[in-house]
C-alpha atoms as a PDB file:
ATOM      1  CA  MET A   1      37.192 -23.376  11.644  1.00  0.00           C
ATOM      2  CA  ASN A   2      39.096 -20.562  10.027  1.00  0.00           C
ATOM      3  CA  SER A   3      39.639 -22.499   6.491  1.00  0.00           C
ATOM      4  CA  LEU A   4      35.904 -22.813   6.656  1.00  0.00           C
ATOM      5  CA  LYS A   5      35.082 -19.610   6.664  1.00  0.00           C
ATOM      6  CA  LYS A   6      37.355 -18.350   3.801  1.00  0.00           C
ATOM      7  CA  ALA A   7      36.031 -20.942   1.315  1.00  0.00           C
ATOM      8  CA  VAL A   8      32.330 -20.066   2.496  1.00  0.00           C
ATOM      9  CA  VAL A   9      33.017 -16.028   2.404  1.00  0.00           C
ATOM     10  CA  GLY A  10      34.505 -16.286  -1.329  1.00  0.00           C
ATOM     11  CA  THR A  11      31.874 -18.579  -2.662  1.00  0.00           C
ATOM     12  CA  ARG A  12      28.713 -16.910  -4.245  1.00  0.00           C
ATOM     13  CA  PRO A  13      25.396 -18.849  -3.451  1.00  0.00           C
ATOM     14  CA  ASP A  14      24.316 -21.410  -5.628  1.00  0.00           C
ATOM     15  CA  PRO A  15      20.748 -20.483  -7.302  1.00  0.00           C
ATOM     16  CA  ALA A  16      18.907 -22.880  -7.099  1.00  0.00           C
ATOM     17  CA  MET A  17      19.315 -23.364  -3.023  1.00  0.00           C
ATOM     18  CA  THR A  18      18.225 -19.535  -2.690  1.00  0.00           C
ATOM     19  CA  LYS A  19      14.474 -18.563  -1.833  1.00  0.00           C
ATOM     20  CA  VAL A  20      13.178 -16.296  -4.628  1.00  0.00           C
ATOM     21  CA  ARG A  21      10.433 -14.294  -4.328  1.00  0.00           C
ATOM     22  CA  PRO A  22       8.366 -13.608  -7.128  1.00  0.00           C
ATOM     23  CA  ARG A  23       8.104  -9.224  -7.354  1.00  0.00           C
ATOM     24  CA  PRO A  24       5.345  -7.660  -7.652  1.00  0.00           C
ATOM     25  CA  MET A  25       4.603  -5.148 -10.775  1.00  0.00           C
ATOM     26  CA  SER A  26       5.738  -1.435  -9.952  1.00  0.00           C
ATOM     27  CA  ALA A  27       2.044   0.202  -9.528  1.00  0.00           C
ATOM     28  CA  ALA A  28       4.373   3.253  -9.947  1.00  0.00           C
ATOM     29  CA  VAL A  29       4.793   2.607 -13.822  1.00  0.00           C
ATOM     30  CA  GLU A  30       0.857   2.649 -14.330  1.00  0.00           C
ATOM     31  CA  HIS A  31       0.646   5.827 -12.287  1.00  0.00           C
ATOM     32  CA  ASP A  32       1.779   9.440 -12.224  1.00  0.00           C
ATOM     33  CA  PRO A  33       4.112   9.984  -9.083  1.00  0.00           C
ATOM     34  CA  SER A  34       2.583  13.301  -9.112  1.00  0.00           C
ATOM     35  CA  LYS A  35      -0.317  12.253  -8.064  1.00  0.00           C
ATOM     36  CA  LEU A  36       0.758  10.023  -5.096  1.00  0.00           C
ATOM     37  CA  LEU A  37       0.982  10.534  -2.051  1.00  0.00           C
ATOM     38  CA  THR A  38       3.564  10.415   1.410  1.00  0.00           C
ATOM     39  CA  LEU A  39       2.911   9.020   4.416  1.00  0.00           C
ATOM     40  CA  THR A  40       2.563  12.157   5.913  1.00  0.00           C
ATOM     41  CA  GLU A  41      -0.255  13.418   3.441  1.00  0.00           C
ATOM     42  CA  ALA A  42      -1.887  10.372   3.747  1.00  0.00           C
ATOM     43  CA  ALA A  43      -2.121  10.711   8.000  1.00  0.00           C
ATOM     44  CA  GLN A  44      -2.817  14.452   7.266  1.00  0.00           C
ATOM     45  CA  MET A  45      -6.133  12.583   5.152  1.00  0.00           C
ATOM     46  CA  LEU A  46      -7.087  10.163   7.359  1.00  0.00           C
ATOM     47  CA  GLY A  47      -7.767  12.592  10.199  1.00  0.00           C
ATOM     48  CA  HIS A  48      -3.846  12.895  11.582  1.00  0.00           C
ATOM     49  CA  VAL A  49      -3.655   9.390  11.979  1.00  0.00           C
ATOM     50  CA  HIS A  50       0.268   8.463  13.591  1.00  0.00           C
ATOM     51  CA  ARG A  51       2.346   7.208  10.955  1.00  0.00           C
ATOM     52  CA  THR A  52       2.669   3.841  13.029  1.00  0.00           C
ATOM     53  CA  THR A  53      -0.974   3.604  12.532  1.00  0.00           C
ATOM     54  CA  ILE A  54      -0.799   3.653   8.884  1.00  0.00           C
ATOM     55  CA  MET A  55       2.066   1.297   8.526  1.00  0.00           C
ATOM     56  CA  ARG A  56       0.227  -1.157  10.425  1.00  0.00           C
ATOM     57  CA  TRP A  57      -2.774  -1.034   8.598  1.00  0.00           C
ATOM     58  CA  VAL A  58      -0.625  -1.527   5.475  1.00  0.00           C
ATOM     59  CA  LYS A  59       1.167  -4.703   7.526  1.00  0.00           C
ATOM     60  CA  GLU A  60      -2.557  -5.912   7.451  1.00  0.00           C
ATOM     61  CA  ASP A  61      -3.477  -5.332   4.006  1.00  0.00           C
ATOM     62  CA  LYS A  62      -6.019  -2.819   5.237  1.00  0.00           C
ATOM     63  CA  LEU A  63      -4.840  -0.168   2.935  1.00  0.00           C
ATOM     64  CA  ARG A  64      -2.551  -0.839  -0.565  1.00  0.00           C
ATOM     65  CA  CYS A  65       0.692   1.271  -0.763  1.00  0.00           C
ATOM     66  CA  VAL A  66       3.121   1.605  -3.823  1.00  0.00           C
ATOM     67  CA  ARG A  67       6.721   0.986  -2.295  1.00  0.00           C
ATOM     68  CA  LEU A  68       9.650   2.465  -4.581  1.00  0.00           C
ATOM     69  CA  SER A  69      12.151   1.220  -1.906  1.00  0.00           C
ATOM     70  CA  ARG A  70      12.164  -0.080   1.211  1.00  0.00           C
ATOM     71  CA  LYS A  71      12.001   3.871   2.878  1.00  0.00           C
ATOM     72  CA  VAL A  72      10.221   5.338   0.018  1.00  0.00           C
ATOM     73  CA  ILE A  73       6.247   4.637   0.312  1.00  0.00           C
ATOM     74  CA  LEU A  74       3.272   6.544  -1.372  1.00  0.00           C
ATOM     75  CA  PHE A  75      -0.510   5.962  -1.665  1.00  0.00           C
ATOM     76  CA  GLU A  76      -2.858   6.719  -4.063  1.00  0.00           C
ATOM     77  CA  PRO A  77      -5.474   9.398  -3.287  1.00  0.00           C
ATOM     78  CA  ASP A  78      -7.958   7.047  -4.705  1.00  0.00           C
ATOM     79  CA  GLU A  79      -7.031   4.455  -1.900  1.00  0.00           C
ATOM     80  CA  ILE A  80      -7.207   6.839   0.945  1.00  0.00           C
ATOM     81  CA  GLN A  81     -10.517   7.688  -0.049  1.00  0.00           C
ATOM     82  CA  ARG A  82     -11.599   3.490  -0.454  1.00  0.00           C
ATOM     83  CA  PHE A  83     -10.175   3.323   2.590  1.00  0.00           C
ATOM     84  CA  VAL A  84     -12.216   6.526   4.584  1.00  0.00           C
ATOM     85  CA  ARG A  85     -15.257   4.764   3.188  1.00  0.00           C
ATOM     86  CA  SER A  86     -15.216   1.412   3.570  1.00  0.00           C
ATOM     87  CA  HIS A  87     -14.316   2.223   7.457  1.00  0.00           C
ATOM     88  CA  ARG A  88     -16.856   5.286   7.566  1.00  0.00           C
ATOM     89  CA  ASP A  89     -19.581   2.294   6.225  1.00  0.00           C
ATOM     90  CA  SER A  90     -18.731  -0.738   8.680  1.00  0.00           C
ATOM     91  CA  GLY A  91     -18.144   1.737  11.995  1.00  0.00           C
ATOM     92  CA  LYS A  92     -14.788   0.950  12.503  1.00  0.00           C
END
């Protein structure tokens, strides 16, 4: 059993066997980062909505964001305004 572990630990994964997901182009390249909103600023614009609620909307593709990393998530002011208008019109 130990020899199997040593063999597995010392080898690299076969690129043909690994799943590669295409990375979307970063929206931060197209936009001025100083105009993007943090999660807290977006929550204030949305009427002091909780951070968890905003992240749920992002996960459900109701609200788009710019992910700079796993922890750094920014929002375009136009996207927040679009979200507010669409939910105000639909009553949700």
